[in-house]
Amino acid sequence: MLFADRNATRPHLARIARTSDAVRDSLATARAGHTRPREAIISVQDDLSAFVENYLPEDDVQAEARARGVRSDAAPLSAASGAALRFLAAAIGARSVVEVGTGCGSSGLWILRGMRPEGILTTVDSALEYQELARKAFLEAGFPSNRARLIHGLGSEVLPRLTDSAYDMVFVDADRAAYPSYLPEALRILRMGGVVVINGAQGVSHRADGPLVAPDPGTAGIREVARVIRDDENLVPLLLPVGDGLLAAIKR
């Protein structure tokens, strides 16, 4: 069994080694002056992003859940974003987590794997077909049915019904335009020391080298939430550049 595990990890380790070599080569090329500074920076950033995404592999169940999400247009998280969610849930010893945007279960799997063994994930989505696929993924991963409470509905309808200060973590991955209305409810149901995580934070960036255009409602929503979280003295924020970008904050 040990040798089988080693053989299974060899392709993944080879990918990591290739990406690490690419990062090193890009830096060396930039130092030698063979590329322009902007091109060198972009090349290194791309190589680093690939390295981060390949660092922690998905198992078969996780990979299949993400594939279902892609086939269903449910926009599943990247592996690195999922690993970050698992890390945060494990770091705070999460027993009770709320997820807005079940999708096909990819993000829920990462969260459940970071939670304490007795923890319960409450996950909300307006698409019943997505939730059925998520339920299937949770069972395939070996989680008992009572570990996940799947609620059909919009986050704006469900979050106000949840108890104050009762949850360790809230993850929002839904309609970006609705993020400003989700945030106050997410903070209300979080306990002190709990963590709120918002997906899609890459929309926070403001490019200065393109035409000035008004942002779409989704981009405007994530930017507004990012501003509020950054300026709130009762929150400790962190922007994680993985996947589509994760904006996290601790409630204090």
Protein backbone atom coordinates (compact mmCIF):
# COMPACT_ATOMS: atom_id res chain seq x y z
CA MET A 1 0.00 0.00 0.00
CA LEU A 2 2.83 2.36 0.80
CA PHE A 3 4.41 1.83 -2.61
CA ALA A 4 1.04 2.30 -4.32
CA ASP A 5 0.59 5.65 -2.54
CA ARG A 6 4.05 6.73 -3.59
CA ASN A 7 3.35 5.83 -7.21
CA ALA A 8 0.06 7.72 -7.10
CA THR A 9 1.74 10.89 -5.91
CA ARG A 10 4.61 10.84 -8.42
CA PRO A 11 2.72 12.65 -11.24
CA HIS A 12 1.60 15.33 -8.77
CA LEU A 13 5.12 15.77 -7.39
CA ALA A 14 6.44 15.99 -10.94
CA ARG A 15 3.99 18.80 -11.70
CA ILE A 16 5.10 20.67 -8.59
CA ALA A 17 8.75 20.24 -9.56
CA ARG A 18 8.09 21.52 -13.10
CA THR A 19 6.20 24.54 -11.82
CA SER A 20 8.89 25.30 -9.24
CA ASP A 21 11.51 25.12 -11.99
CA ALA A 22 9.43 27.48 -14.13
CA VAL A 23 9.24 30.03 -11.31
CA ARG A 24 13.00 29.82 -10.80
CA ASP A 25 13.68 30.15 -14.54
CA SER A 26 11.37 33.16 -14.86
CA LEU A 27 13.14 34.93 -12.02
CA ALA A 28 16.55 34.14 -13.49
CA THR A 29 15.49 35.42 -16.92
CA ALA A 30 14.18 38.63 -15.41
CA ARG A 31 17.38 39.21 -13.43
CA ALA A 32 19.45 38.67 -16.57
CA GLY A 33 17.50 41.41 -18.33
CA HIS A 34 16.15 39.16 -21.09
CA THR A 35 12.55 40.23 -20.50
CA ARG A 36 10.94 43.55 -19.83
CA PRO A 37 9.98 44.15 -16.16
CA ARG A 38 6.22 43.93 -16.74
CA GLU A 39 6.52 40.73 -18.80
CA ALA A 40 8.79 39.19 -16.17
CA ILE A 41 6.37 40.03 -13.37
CA ILE A 42 3.41 38.55 -15.26
CA SER A 43 5.39 35.40 -16.09
CA VAL A 44 6.45 34.89 -12.46
CA GLN A 45 2.90 35.54 -11.23
CA ASP A 46 1.49 32.97 -13.64
CA ASP A 47 4.09 30.39 -12.60
CA LEU A 48 3.45 31.03 -8.91
CA SER A 49 -0.30 30.72 -9.41
CA ALA A 50 0.20 27.37 -11.13
CA PHE A 51 2.46 26.22 -8.31
CA VAL A 52 -0.12 27.17 -5.67
CA GLU A 53 -2.96 25.46 -7.54
CA ASN A 54 -0.97 22.23 -7.96
CA TYR A 55 0.44 22.10 -4.45
CA LEU A 56 -2.46 20.20 -2.85
CA PRO A 57 -4.10 17.64 -5.17
CA GLU A 58 -7.78 16.76 -5.13
CA ASP A 59 -8.79 13.18 -4.45
CA ASP A 60 -11.16 11.36 -6.82
CA VAL A 61 -14.35 12.41 -5.01
CA GLN A 62 -13.30 16.04 -4.86
CA ALA A 63 -12.22 16.07 -8.51
CA GLU A 64 -15.52 14.52 -9.60
CA ALA A 65 -17.52 17.05 -7.56
CA ARG A 66 -15.65 19.89 -9.24
CA ALA A 67 -16.17 18.27 -12.66
CA ARG A 68 -19.91 18.09 -12.00
CA GLY A 69 -19.83 21.76 -11.11
CA VAL A 70 -18.13 22.60 -14.38
CA ARG A 71 -20.62 20.52 -16.37
CA SER A 72 -23.52 22.17 -14.54
CA ASP A 73 -22.16 25.73 -14.87
CA ALA A 74 -21.99 25.95 -11.08
CA ALA A 75 -18.54 27.63 -11.15
CA PRO A 76 -16.74 25.40 -8.59
CA LEU A 77 -13.83 26.64 -6.50
CA SER A 78 -10.26 26.03 -7.52
CA ALA A 79 -8.29 23.48 -5.51
CA ALA A 80 -6.22 26.21 -3.85
CA SER A 81 -9.33 28.13 -2.79
CA GLY A 82 -10.85 24.96 -1.39
CA ALA A 83 -7.66 24.17 0.51
CA ALA A 84 -7.76 27.67 2.01
CA LEU A 85 -11.33 27.08 3.21
CA ARG A 86 -10.34 23.76 4.78
CA PHE A 87 -7.37 25.43 6.48
CA LEU A 88 -9.51 28.24 7.92
CA ALA A 89 -12.18 25.84 9.17
CA ALA A 90 -9.53 23.66 10.82
CA ALA A 91 -7.66 26.65 12.29
CA ILE A 92 -10.71 27.84 14.23
CA GLY A 93 -11.95 24.35 15.09
CA ALA A 94 -15.24 25.03 13.30
CA ARG A 95 -18.26 23.10 14.51
CA SER A 96 -20.94 25.12 12.74
CA VAL A 97 -20.52 26.67 9.29
CA VAL A 98 -22.92 28.41 6.92
CA GLU A 99 -22.32 28.34 3.18
CA VAL A 100 -24.28 30.55 0.79
CA GLY A 101 -23.98 28.95 -2.64
CA THR A 102 -23.91 25.16 -2.38
CA GLY A 103 -23.09 24.58 -6.03
CA CYS A 104 -22.39 20.91 -6.67
CA GLY A 105 -20.65 20.35 -3.35
CA SER A 106 -17.00 21.04 -4.14
CA SER A 107 -16.58 23.85 -1.62
CA GLY A 108 -18.71 22.03 0.95
CA LEU A 109 -16.38 19.02 0.79
CA TRP A 110 -13.36 21.20 1.55
CA ILE A 111 -15.16 22.87 4.45
CA LEU A 112 -16.41 19.59 5.93
CA ARG A 113 -12.89 18.16 5.78
CA GLY A 114 -11.62 21.09 7.82
CA MET A 115 -14.40 21.07 10.42
CA ARG A 116 -14.40 19.11 13.64
CA PRO A 117 -15.79 15.55 13.30
CA GLU A 118 -19.08 16.50 14.94
CA GLY A 119 -19.43 19.72 12.94
CA ILE A 120 -22.48 20.55 10.82
CA LEU A 121 -22.43 22.45 7.55
CA THR A 122 -25.55 24.48 6.72
CA THR A 123 -25.47 25.14 3.00
CA VAL A 124 -27.95 27.30 1.07
CA ASP A 125 -28.73 27.37 -2.65
CA SER A 126 -31.67 28.33 -4.83
CA ALA A 127 -31.02 25.46 -7.28
CA LEU A 128 -32.38 22.11 -6.09
CA GLU A 129 -30.51 20.20 -8.79
CA TYR A 130 -27.21 21.55 -7.50
CA GLN A 131 -28.02 20.54 -3.95
CA GLU A 132 -28.86 17.00 -5.00
CA LEU A 133 -25.45 16.73 -6.64
CA ALA A 134 -23.83 18.17 -3.52
CA ARG A 135 -25.65 15.66 -1.31
CA LYS A 136 -24.34 12.89 -3.55
CA ALA A 137 -20.78 14.22 -3.26
CA PHE A 138 -20.95 14.41 0.55
CA LEU A 139 -22.16 10.81 0.79
CA GLU A 140 -19.52 9.61 -1.68
CA ALA A 141 -16.88 11.26 0.51
CA GLY A 142 -18.13 9.27 3.51
CA PHE A 143 -19.89 12.05 5.44
CA PRO A 144 -23.08 10.96 7.24
CA SER A 145 -26.22 12.69 6.03
CA ASN A 146 -26.56 14.56 9.34
CA ARG A 147 -23.26 16.40 8.78
CA ALA A 148 -24.80 18.64 6.11
CA ARG A 149 -28.06 20.59 6.35
CA LEU A 150 -29.06 21.61 2.84
CA ILE A 151 -31.56 24.48 2.65
CA HIS A 152 -33.26 25.43 -0.59
CA GLY A 153 -33.63 29.18 -1.00
CA LEU A 154 -31.90 32.48 -1.55
CA GLY A 155 -29.27 33.64 0.89
CA SER A 156 -31.18 36.89 1.36
CA GLU A 157 -34.18 34.86 2.57
CA VAL A 158 -32.38 32.22 4.66
CA LEU A 159 -29.65 34.20 6.46
CA PRO A 160 -32.10 36.47 8.36
CA ARG A 161 -33.73 33.36 9.85
CA LEU A 162 -30.47 32.04 11.36
CA THR A 163 -29.53 32.59 15.01
CA ASP A 164 -27.33 35.46 16.16
CA SER A 165 -23.68 34.65 17.02
CA ALA A 166 -24.26 30.92 16.49
CA TYR A 167 -21.75 30.09 13.74
CA ASP A 168 -18.00 29.74 13.56
CA MET A 169 -17.63 30.49 9.86
CA VAL A 170 -19.70 31.88 7.00
CA PHE A 171 -18.66 31.32 3.38
CA VAL A 172 -20.39 33.31 0.63
CA ASP A 173 -20.09 32.27 -3.01
CA ALA A 174 -23.26 33.43 -4.71
CA ASP A 175 -24.60 36.45 -6.60
CA ARG A 176 -21.84 39.07 -6.31
CA ALA A 177 -24.32 41.91 -6.65
CA ALA A 178 -26.04 40.73 -3.45
CA TYR A 179 -22.82 40.60 -1.40
CA PRO A 180 -23.41 43.98 0.32
CA SER A 181 -26.72 42.68 1.68
CA TYR A 182 -25.22 39.30 2.69
CA LEU A 183 -22.35 40.76 4.70
CA PRO A 184 -24.33 42.32 7.61
CA GLU A 185 -26.29 39.09 8.06
CA ALA A 186 -23.12 37.00 7.89
CA LEU A 187 -21.51 39.12 10.61
CA ARG A 188 -24.64 38.98 12.74
CA ILE A 189 -24.71 35.18 12.84
CA LEU A 190 -20.95 34.87 13.42
CA ARG A 191 -19.61 34.39 16.93
CA MET A 192 -16.76 36.52 18.19
CA GLY A 193 -13.58 35.08 16.70
CA GLY A 194 -15.54 33.62 13.79
CA VAL A 195 -14.48 34.03 10.18
CA VAL A 196 -16.39 35.32 7.17
CA VAL A 197 -15.04 34.37 3.74
CA ILE A 198 -16.17 35.95 0.47
CA ASN A 199 -15.34 34.38 -2.90
CA GLY A 200 -14.71 36.38 -6.06
CA ALA A 201 -12.40 39.00 -4.57
CA GLN A 202 -10.36 39.33 -7.75
CA GLY A 203 -13.05 41.84 -8.75
CA VAL A 204 -11.67 44.16 -6.07
CA SER A 205 -8.73 45.22 -8.25
CA HIS A 206 -8.85 48.51 -10.11
CA ARG A 207 -6.84 48.45 -13.34
CA ALA A 208 -5.36 51.78 -14.30
CA ASP A 209 -4.20 50.83 -17.80
CA GLY A 210 -7.56 50.35 -19.48
CA PRO A 211 -10.57 52.50 -20.39
CA LEU A 212 -12.55 53.91 -17.47
CA VAL A 213 -15.89 52.10 -17.41
CA ALA A 214 -18.52 51.63 -14.75
CA PRO A 215 -18.22 48.22 -13.07
CA ASP A 216 -20.93 45.63 -13.56
CA PRO A 217 -23.23 45.02 -10.56
CA GLY A 218 -21.26 41.95 -9.45
CA THR A 219 -17.93 43.76 -9.49
CA ALA A 220 -19.49 46.75 -7.74
CA GLY A 221 -20.88 44.42 -5.07
CA ILE A 222 -17.56 42.74 -4.29
CA ARG A 223 -15.74 46.08 -4.25
CA GLU A 224 -18.26 47.53 -1.81
CA VAL A 225 -17.93 44.53 0.50
CA ALA A 226 -14.13 44.74 0.30
CA ARG A 227 -14.24 48.41 1.28
CA VAL A 228 -16.58 47.78 4.21
CA ILE A 229 -14.51 44.87 5.53
CA ARG A 230 -11.25 46.81 5.17
CA ASP A 231 -12.60 49.88 7.01
CA ASP A 232 -14.46 48.09 9.83
CA GLU A 233 -12.35 48.27 13.00
CA ASN A 234 -14.22 45.27 14.40
CA LEU A 235 -12.85 43.03 11.67
CA VAL A 236 -9.37 41.69 10.92
CA PRO A 237 -9.28 41.35 7.12
CA LEU A 238 -7.12 39.35 4.75
CA LEU A 239 -7.19 39.14 0.94
CA LEU A 240 -6.01 35.76 -0.36
CA PRO A 241 -4.93 35.70 -4.04
CA VAL A 242 -6.05 32.14 -4.80
CA GLY A 243 -8.56 31.07 -7.42
CA ASP A 244 -11.05 33.90 -7.98
CA GLY A 245 -9.76 35.55 -4.82
CA LEU A 246 -10.88 34.98 -1.23
CA LEU A 247 -11.64 37.91 1.08
CA ALA A 248 -11.59 36.76 4.70
CA ALA A 249 -12.12 38.57 7.99
CA ILE A 250 -12.16 37.64 11.67
CA LYS A 251 -14.93 39.15 13.80
CA ARG A 252 -13.60 40.63 17.02
